[in-house]
């Protein structure tokens, strides 16, 4: 049976969702692990280490602030995520091999876009591009159509440059979590094949956690 992972889940105190409740529901759905990635601060609550990965999602207003926060958190948490959306922040994130995941590369509601230069850097530095399915779940009509268009375009670039990609729920409660088969079905809406979606929930997240695509040396932000 595949080992499924959701590497972008938000817990208390950022949200009202207790860690233990998220763990219980995710296990019931068939996940092998979930990553708690609260913004700018790791979860302080004691967690079950063989299922919960404690990471951090960095939110920054400038490239300088992003650099500072990456340096602050790198080596202290096993998973380093950057909240993207802005072209300059996207570029700075994927140029730094210390970053594991670029989340929300087109913004939370599809208001931005990811260009081919950034995707090439992501492929070279082993930074995974996140397809946040929570954005599809929570938006309707025109907003959902815009997000789907952005995801289709991003998928084309990721395929072209062979960058790692993952599917996440960006869950802020147990009601935002989705079973792996639901995630795979949602990914088909923007053209991801079943094989690609399965890999984006299994092999690639596991490779991220094992630092499989990272260089052996530290790489500074350009």
Protein backbone atom coordinates (compact mmCIF):
# COMPACT_ATOMS: atom_id res chain seq x y z
CA UNK A 1 0.00 0.00 0.00
CA UNK A 2 1.39 3.47 -0.87
CA UNK A 3 2.53 5.77 1.93
CA UNK A 4 0.51 8.97 1.54
CA UNK A 5 1.61 12.30 3.05
CA UNK A 6 -0.03 15.73 3.37
CA UNK A 7 2.81 18.19 3.93
CA UNK A 8 0.85 21.40 4.57
CA UNK A 9 -1.51 21.25 7.56
CA UNK A 10 -2.07 24.05 10.08
CA UNK A 11 -2.77 23.37 13.75
CA UNK A 12 -3.26 25.10 17.10
CA UNK A 13 -2.32 27.84 18.02
CA UNK A 14 -2.52 29.22 14.46
CA UNK A 15 -5.89 27.52 14.06
CA UNK A 16 -8.41 25.95 16.42
CA UNK A 17 -7.45 22.43 15.30
CA UNK A 18 -5.73 20.36 18.04
CA UNK A 19 -2.77 18.33 16.84
CA UNK A 20 -4.16 15.07 18.21
CA UNK A 21 -7.46 15.56 16.40
CA UNK A 22 -5.71 16.18 13.08
CA UNK A 23 -3.54 13.12 13.64
CA UNK A 24 -6.53 10.91 14.40
CA UNK A 25 -8.51 11.95 11.31
CA UNK A 26 -5.50 11.80 8.98
CA UNK A 27 -4.69 8.28 10.17
CA UNK A 28 -8.28 7.22 9.57
CA UNK A 29 -8.05 8.57 6.02
CA UNK A 30 -5.01 6.38 5.38
CA UNK A 31 -2.11 8.83 5.60
CA UNK A 32 1.34 7.65 6.69
CA UNK A 33 2.11 11.13 7.99
CA UNK A 34 1.18 14.81 7.95
CA UNK A 35 3.32 17.92 8.31
CA UNK A 36 2.25 20.72 10.62
CA UNK A 37 3.40 23.92 8.92
CA UNK A 38 2.14 26.87 10.91
CA UNK A 39 3.19 30.26 9.58
CA UNK A 40 6.53 31.58 10.86
CA UNK A 41 6.54 29.42 13.99
CA UNK A 42 6.70 25.69 14.57
CA UNK A 43 4.01 23.93 16.60
CA UNK A 44 4.92 23.85 20.28
CA UNK A 45 2.50 21.10 21.32
CA UNK A 46 4.03 17.67 21.94
CA UNK A 47 3.36 15.44 18.94
CA UNK A 48 3.68 11.80 17.93
CA UNK A 49 7.01 11.81 16.15
CA UNK A 50 6.48 8.79 13.90
CA UNK A 51 3.39 10.32 12.24
CA UNK A 52 3.64 14.10 12.71
CA UNK A 53 6.33 16.09 10.94
CA UNK A 54 6.83 19.50 12.53
CA UNK A 55 7.73 22.11 9.95
CA UNK A 56 7.19 25.80 9.40
CA UNK A 57 5.68 27.85 6.58
CA UNK A 58 7.52 31.13 6.18
CA UNK A 59 5.48 34.16 5.24
CA UNK A 60 7.49 37.25 4.30
CA UNK A 61 6.82 40.68 2.81
CA UNK A 62 10.20 41.07 1.13
CA UNK A 63 13.10 39.01 -0.16
CA UNK A 64 15.30 40.34 2.64
CA UNK A 65 12.80 39.21 5.26
CA UNK A 66 12.50 35.82 3.56
CA UNK A 67 16.29 35.34 3.62
CA UNK A 68 16.40 36.20 7.31
CA UNK A 69 13.61 33.79 8.21
CA UNK A 70 15.03 30.93 6.14
CA UNK A 71 18.34 31.32 7.98
CA UNK A 72 16.51 31.51 11.32
CA UNK A 73 14.56 28.28 10.84
CA UNK A 74 16.90 26.19 8.68
CA UNK A 75 18.31 23.22 10.57
CA UNK A 76 15.79 23.63 13.41
CA UNK A 77 12.82 21.98 11.71
CA UNK A 78 12.75 19.00 9.32
CA UNK A 79 10.53 20.75 6.77
CA UNK A 80 10.92 24.30 5.51
CA UNK A 81 8.04 25.72 3.45
CA UNK A 82 7.78 29.18 1.89
CA UNK A 83 4.43 30.89 1.33
CA UNK A 84 4.78 32.31 -2.18
CA UNK A 85 2.58 34.20 -4.62
CA UNK A 86 4.78 37.19 -5.33
CA UNK A 87 7.21 36.77 -8.27
CA UNK A 88 10.24 37.96 -6.31
CA UNK A 89 9.46 35.79 -3.29
CA UNK A 90 8.84 32.77 -5.53
CA UNK A 91 12.20 33.30 -7.23
CA UNK A 92 14.08 33.78 -3.96
CA UNK A 93 12.51 30.65 -2.47
CA UNK A 94 13.33 28.30 -5.34
CA UNK A 95 16.88 29.66 -5.67
CA UNK A 96 17.62 28.45 -2.14
CA UNK A 97 18.09 24.69 -1.81
CA UNK A 98 17.46 24.91 1.95
CA UNK A 99 13.77 25.43 1.11
CA UNK A 100 11.80 22.20 0.73
CA UNK A 101 8.45 23.42 -0.64
CA UNK A 102 7.10 26.51 -2.38
CA UNK A 103 3.47 26.72 -1.24
CA UNK A 104 0.84 28.92 -2.88
CA UNK A 105 3.13 29.76 -5.83
CA UNK A 106 0.25 31.56 -7.57
CA UNK A 107 -1.16 33.10 -4.40
CA UNK A 108 -3.87 31.66 -2.19
CA UNK A 109 -6.61 32.49 -4.71
CA UNK A 110 -4.74 32.30 -8.01
CA UNK A 111 -4.00 36.02 -8.17
CA UNK A 112 -0.32 35.50 -9.07
CA UNK A 113 1.59 33.22 -11.40
CA UNK A 114 4.70 31.08 -11.53
CA UNK A 115 7.09 31.63 -14.44
CA UNK A 116 9.38 29.22 -16.25
CA UNK A 117 12.56 30.68 -14.73
CA UNK A 118 11.38 29.93 -11.19
CA UNK A 119 10.30 26.40 -12.13
CA UNK A 120 13.73 25.73 -13.64
CA UNK A 121 15.35 26.82 -10.37
CA UNK A 122 12.92 24.63 -8.42
CA UNK A 123 13.97 21.62 -10.50
CA UNK A 124 17.67 22.38 -10.05
CA UNK A 125 17.43 22.92 -6.29
CA UNK A 126 14.92 20.23 -5.38
CA UNK A 127 12.23 22.67 -4.22
CA UNK A 128 8.80 21.07 -4.60
CA UNK A 129 5.97 23.06 -6.17
CA UNK A 130 2.81 22.76 -4.10
CA UNK A 131 -0.64 22.35 -5.64
CA UNK A 132 -2.96 23.45 -2.84
CA UNK A 133 -6.26 21.65 -3.31
CA UNK A 134 -7.82 23.58 -0.45
CA UNK A 135 -8.06 26.52 -2.85
CA UNK A 136 -10.31 24.45 -5.13
CA UNK A 137 -12.45 23.23 -2.26
CA UNK A 138 -13.11 26.64 -0.74
CA UNK A 139 -13.62 28.73 -3.89
CA UNK A 140 -16.58 28.80 -6.27
CA UNK A 141 -17.49 29.88 -9.80
CA UNK A 142 -15.11 32.42 -11.33
CA UNK A 143 -12.53 32.18 -8.55
CA UNK A 144 -12.35 28.41 -8.90
CA UNK A 145 -12.10 28.66 -12.69
CA UNK A 146 -9.19 31.12 -12.36
CA UNK A 147 -7.39 28.85 -9.91
CA UNK A 148 -7.86 25.84 -12.18
CA UNK A 149 -6.39 27.78 -15.11
CA UNK A 150 -3.35 28.75 -13.04
CA UNK A 151 -2.87 25.17 -11.88
CA UNK A 152 -3.04 23.89 -15.47
CA UNK A 153 -0.37 26.37 -16.56
CA UNK A 154 1.81 25.56 -13.55
CA UNK A 155 1.47 21.84 -14.22
CA UNK A 156 2.68 22.32 -17.80
CA UNK A 157 5.82 24.10 -16.55
CA UNK A 158 6.47 21.53 -13.83
CA UNK A 159 6.23 18.75 -16.40
CA UNK A 160 8.46 20.59 -18.87
CA UNK A 161 11.30 21.13 -16.39
CA UNK A 162 10.70 17.98 -14.32
CA UNK A 163 10.38 19.87 -11.03
CA UNK A 164 9.10 17.96 -7.99
CA UNK A 165 5.43 18.58 -7.21
CA UNK A 166 3.16 17.72 -4.32
CA UNK A 167 -0.53 17.85 -3.48
CA UNK A 168 -1.59 19.33 -0.16
CA UNK A 169 -4.84 20.23 1.57
CA UNK A 170 -3.61 23.37 3.38
CA UNK A 171 -6.01 22.12 6.07
CA UNK A 172 -6.89 24.46 8.93
CA UNK A 173 -9.31 21.99 10.56
CA UNK A 174 -10.23 18.32 10.41
CA UNK A 175 -12.98 19.28 7.95
CA UNK A 176 -10.38 20.53 5.47
CA UNK A 177 -8.53 17.21 5.38
CA UNK A 178 -9.31 15.00 2.40
CA UNK A 179 -8.64 11.29 1.91
CA UNK A 180 -5.93 10.47 -0.66
CA UNK A 181 -8.40 9.15 -3.24
CA UNK A 182 -10.31 12.45 -3.01
CA UNK A 183 -7.09 14.43 -3.48
CA UNK A 184 -6.24 12.37 -6.56
CA UNK A 185 -9.73 12.95 -8.00
CA UNK A 186 -9.48 16.72 -7.41
CA UNK A 187 -6.09 16.86 -9.11
CA UNK A 188 -7.66 15.43 -12.27
CA UNK A 189 -9.68 18.66 -12.58
CA UNK A 190 -6.57 20.55 -13.71
CA UNK A 191 -5.10 17.72 -15.77
CA UNK A 192 -2.90 15.78 -13.39
CA UNK A 193 -2.89 12.07 -14.18
CA UNK A 194 -3.65 9.46 -11.54
CA UNK A 195 -0.01 8.33 -11.62
CA UNK A 196 1.27 11.89 -11.20
CA UNK A 197 -1.16 12.62 -8.37
CA UNK A 198 -0.27 9.40 -6.56
CA UNK A 199 3.42 10.26 -6.82
CA UNK A 200 2.67 13.81 -5.60
CA UNK A 201 1.14 12.32 -2.45
CA UNK A 202 3.60 9.44 -1.95
CA UNK A 203 7.02 9.24 -3.57
CA UNK A 204 7.76 12.95 -3.85
CA UNK A 205 6.72 13.90 -0.27
CA UNK A 206 8.76 11.00 1.06
CA UNK A 207 11.72 12.15 -1.03
CA UNK A 208 11.33 15.66 0.37
CA UNK A 209 11.43 14.36 3.94
CA UNK A 210 14.51 12.28 3.12
CA UNK A 211 16.15 15.31 1.37
CA UNK A 212 16.56 13.06 -1.65
CA UNK A 213 17.03 15.90 -4.16
CA UNK A 214 19.11 18.22 -2.03
CA UNK A 215 22.76 19.03 -2.62
CA UNK A 216 25.30 17.95 -0.01
CA UNK A 217 26.45 21.51 0.57
CA UNK A 218 24.65 24.60 1.85
CA UNK A 219 23.44 26.98 -0.86
CA UNK A 220 22.98 30.65 -0.09
CA UNK A 221 20.19 32.76 -1.54
CA UNK A 222 21.29 34.63 -4.64
